[in-house]
Protein backbone atom coordinates (compact mmCIF):
# COMPACT_ATOMS: atom_id res chain seq x y z
CA MET A 1 10.64 12.82 -25.76
CA SER A 2 8.97 9.60 -26.84
CA THR A 3 6.11 7.93 -25.02
CA ALA A 4 8.38 5.02 -24.03
CA THR A 5 10.92 7.44 -22.55
CA ASP A 6 8.16 9.37 -20.74
CA SER A 7 6.87 6.09 -19.34
CA LEU A 8 10.32 5.06 -18.11
CA SER A 9 10.94 8.46 -16.53
CA GLY A 10 7.56 8.34 -14.84
CA ASN A 11 8.11 4.79 -13.62
CA LEU A 12 11.54 5.73 -12.30
CA ALA A 13 10.27 8.82 -10.48
CA ASP A 14 7.26 7.01 -8.96
CA ASN A 15 9.29 3.97 -7.90
CA ILE A 16 12.10 5.98 -6.31
CA ARG A 17 9.65 8.15 -4.37
CA GLN A 18 7.53 5.18 -3.21
CA LEU A 19 10.56 3.12 -2.19
CA ARG A 20 12.13 6.04 -0.29
CA GLU A 21 8.87 6.87 1.50
CA ALA A 22 8.29 3.19 2.38
CA ARG A 23 11.65 3.27 4.16
CA GLY A 24 10.72 6.44 6.04
CA LEU A 25 13.76 8.34 4.76
CA THR A 26 14.19 11.88 3.45
CA GLN A 27 15.69 12.80 0.10
CA GLN A 28 18.74 14.15 1.97
CA GLN A 29 19.21 10.82 3.78
CA MET A 30 18.89 8.84 0.54
CA ALA A 31 21.33 11.19 -1.21
CA LYS A 32 23.88 10.53 1.53
CA ILE A 33 23.33 6.73 1.43
CA SER A 34 23.63 6.66 -2.37
CA GLY A 35 26.56 9.08 -2.61
CA LEU A 36 24.58 11.33 -4.96
CA PRO A 37 23.96 15.09 -4.56
CA ARG A 38 20.58 15.99 -3.03
CA PRO A 39 19.46 17.94 -6.15
CA THR A 40 20.10 14.83 -8.27
CA TRP A 41 17.86 12.78 -5.98
CA SER A 42 15.17 15.47 -6.15
CA ASN A 43 15.35 15.52 -9.97
CA LEU A 44 15.06 11.72 -10.07
CA GLU A 45 11.87 11.81 -7.97
CA SER A 46 10.36 14.64 -10.02
CA GLY A 47 10.96 12.85 -13.32
CA ALA A 48 13.18 15.69 -14.56
CA ALA A 49 16.40 13.65 -14.50
CA ASN A 50 18.00 11.75 -17.36
CA PRO A 51 20.25 9.50 -15.23
CA THR A 52 23.25 7.55 -16.41
CA ILE A 53 23.45 3.83 -15.79
CA GLY A 54 25.97 4.56 -13.03
CA VAL A 55 23.44 6.77 -11.23
CA LEU A 56 20.72 4.12 -11.62
CA VAL A 57 23.04 1.50 -10.12
CA LYS A 58 23.77 3.76 -7.12
CA VAL A 59 20.07 4.47 -6.58
CA ALA A 60 19.14 0.78 -6.87
CA ALA A 61 21.88 -0.18 -4.40
CA ALA A 62 20.78 2.50 -1.92
CA LEU A 63 17.15 1.31 -2.13
CA GLN A 64 18.22 -2.37 -2.15
CA VAL A 65 16.32 -3.22 -5.34
CA SER A 66 17.32 -4.10 -8.89
CA VAL A 67 17.67 -1.50 -11.65
CA GLU A 68 14.87 -3.37 -13.45
CA GLU A 69 12.54 -2.75 -10.50
CA LEU A 70 13.32 0.97 -10.64
CA LEU A 71 12.31 1.14 -14.32
CA SER A 72 9.32 -1.21 -14.35
CA PRO A 73 5.74 -0.03 -13.79
CA PRO A 74 5.19 0.68 -10.07
CA ARG A 75 3.75 -2.19 -8.09
CA GLY A 76 0.65 -1.70 -6.04
CA SER A 77 1.21 -1.72 -2.32
CA ALA A 78 -1.06 -4.73 -1.85
CA ARG A 79 -2.21 -7.71 -3.88
CA PHE A 80 -5.09 -10.02 -3.03
CA PHE A 81 -4.91 -13.79 -3.54
CA ALA A 82 -8.16 -15.72 -3.14
CA ALA A 83 -7.87 -18.90 -1.05
CA ASP A 84 -8.62 -21.11 -4.04
CA THR A 85 -5.63 -19.69 -5.94
CA LEU A 86 -3.08 -20.86 -3.36
CA PRO A 87 -1.46 -24.25 -3.96
CA VAL A 88 -2.94 -27.09 -1.87
CA ARG A 89 -1.75 -30.69 -1.80
CA GLN A 90 -2.83 -33.79 0.06
CA ARG A 91 -0.19 -35.88 1.79
CA GLY A 92 -2.21 -38.85 2.93
CA LEU A 93 -5.02 -37.43 5.07
CA VAL A 94 -3.12 -34.20 5.74
CA GLN A 95 -3.90 -31.10 3.71
CA VAL A 96 -0.92 -28.77 3.14
CA ARG A 97 -1.72 -25.26 1.90
CA LYS A 98 1.03 -22.88 0.79
CA LEU A 99 0.63 -19.47 2.40
CA LEU A 100 3.18 -17.63 0.27
CA PRO A 101 1.56 -17.05 -3.14
CA GLU A 102 4.90 -16.03 -4.62
CA PRO A 103 8.30 -17.58 -3.98
CA VAL A 104 10.33 -16.02 -1.18
CA ALA A 105 13.97 -17.04 -1.42
CA GLY A 106 14.99 -19.39 1.36
CA MET A 107 11.58 -19.63 3.01
CA GLU A 108 8.47 -21.79 2.99
CA LEU A 109 5.27 -21.15 4.94
CA ASP A 110 2.58 -23.84 5.06
CA ARG A 111 -0.72 -24.42 6.84
CA LEU A 112 -1.13 -28.05 7.92
CA GLU A 113 -4.61 -29.45 8.56
CA LEU A 114 -4.59 -32.86 10.23
CA PRO A 115 -7.80 -34.82 10.82
CA VAL A 116 -8.12 -36.91 13.98
CA GLY A 117 -5.40 -39.56 13.77
CA GLY A 118 -3.88 -37.90 10.69
CA HIS A 119 -0.12 -38.06 10.31
CA MET A 120 2.52 -37.05 7.81
CA ALA A 121 6.23 -37.69 7.47
CA GLY A 122 8.24 -34.50 6.99
CA ILE A 123 10.75 -34.38 4.19
CA PRO A 124 14.23 -33.43 5.44
CA HIS A 125 15.38 -30.19 3.86
CA THR A 126 18.87 -29.06 2.89
CA PRO A 127 21.57 -29.11 5.61
CA GLY A 128 21.37 -26.16 7.98
CA THR A 129 17.60 -25.65 7.59
CA ARG A 130 15.60 -24.46 10.62
CA GLU A 131 11.91 -25.21 10.95
CA TYR A 132 9.39 -23.50 13.20
CA LEU A 133 6.13 -25.29 13.97
CA THR A 134 3.23 -23.74 15.84
CA CYS A 135 -0.14 -25.20 16.72
CA GLU A 136 -3.25 -23.10 16.18
CA THR A 137 -6.06 -25.51 17.09
CA GLY A 138 -6.22 -29.04 18.45
CA ALA A 139 -2.92 -30.73 19.27
CA ILE A 140 0.08 -31.64 17.15
CA GLU A 141 2.68 -34.20 18.02
CA LEU A 142 6.05 -33.51 16.42
CA THR A 143 8.72 -36.19 16.30
CA GLU A 144 12.22 -35.16 15.28
CA SER A 145 15.51 -37.04 15.71
CA GLY A 146 13.95 -39.45 18.22
CA GLN A 147 12.38 -36.72 20.40
CA THR A 148 8.65 -36.06 20.62
CA TRP A 149 6.90 -32.82 21.55
CA LEU A 150 3.17 -32.27 22.09
CA LEU A 151 2.09 -28.83 20.91
CA ASN A 152 -1.14 -27.26 22.10
CA PRO A 153 -2.56 -23.99 20.71
CA GLY A 154 0.10 -21.29 20.78
CA ASP A 155 3.04 -23.62 21.42
CA VAL A 156 6.07 -23.44 19.13
CA VAL A 157 8.93 -25.87 18.51
CA VAL A 158 12.07 -24.84 16.63
CA PHE A 159 14.04 -27.73 15.20
CA ARG A 160 16.52 -28.78 12.57
CA GLY A 161 14.50 -29.24 9.40
CA ASP A 162 17.32 -31.22 7.82
CA GLN A 163 16.58 -34.22 10.07
CA LYS A 164 13.91 -36.91 9.83
CA HIS A 165 10.68 -35.58 11.34
CA GLY A 166 6.93 -36.17 11.33
CA TYR A 167 3.62 -34.68 12.42
CA ARG A 168 0.61 -36.40 14.01
CA ASN A 169 -2.75 -35.39 15.43
CA PRO A 170 -3.17 -37.38 18.67
CA GLY A 171 -6.30 -35.49 19.70
CA ARG A 172 -10.02 -35.87 19.21
CA VAL A 173 -10.54 -32.80 17.02
CA ARG A 174 -9.07 -31.57 13.76
CA ALA A 175 -5.67 -29.91 14.29
CA ILE A 176 -4.24 -26.94 12.43
CA ALA A 177 -0.58 -25.98 12.53
CA TYR A 178 1.73 -23.63 10.68
CA SER A 179 5.20 -24.58 9.51
CA VAL A 180 7.85 -21.99 8.67
CA VAL A 181 10.92 -23.43 6.97
CA VAL A 182 14.02 -21.26 6.75
CA LEU A 183 16.51 -22.80 4.36
CA LYS A 184 20.21 -22.20 4.93
CA PRO A 185 21.52 -19.98 2.11
CA ALA A 186 23.78 -21.78 -0.35
CA GLY A 187 27.46 -21.26 0.25
CA THR A 188 27.17 -20.34 3.94
């Protein structure tokens, strides 16, 4: 066997085992979910198998990952991102820091830092979007569709993110809030 083939077999075995264990399932359970015999699953995890594309597709579907992810070098279970590597932008006096270092389909998570008197107009998102806003420190005033809510630490407002909205710090101290935007999937 060539080194490239050994590497692929090793990647496949390590990925299948890690993904199964992360789901808390046995080989027998995964064999049933995938429609493959239990010995086949065991051979895949040991690196002894030489699977067909059809088998790889069944395994990927059962683990809910792509075939490419099964064959690529295993990912570490954790990755560290230093604060200064996360995107930050200024919108007027308001600092907006992205909290997701990698794109997550259909979702945005931002930390908003508003100085005393700071305000920012929200940008309406695609139709069907939901937005969740929570205040961590200070106070945040949210205006959406003509309604206004005052959020104190721990408060949450859920609103339609596809409408005109804005944020303001009416207090006497810096305010910090977190915004979670859940975009409506296309075609639904």
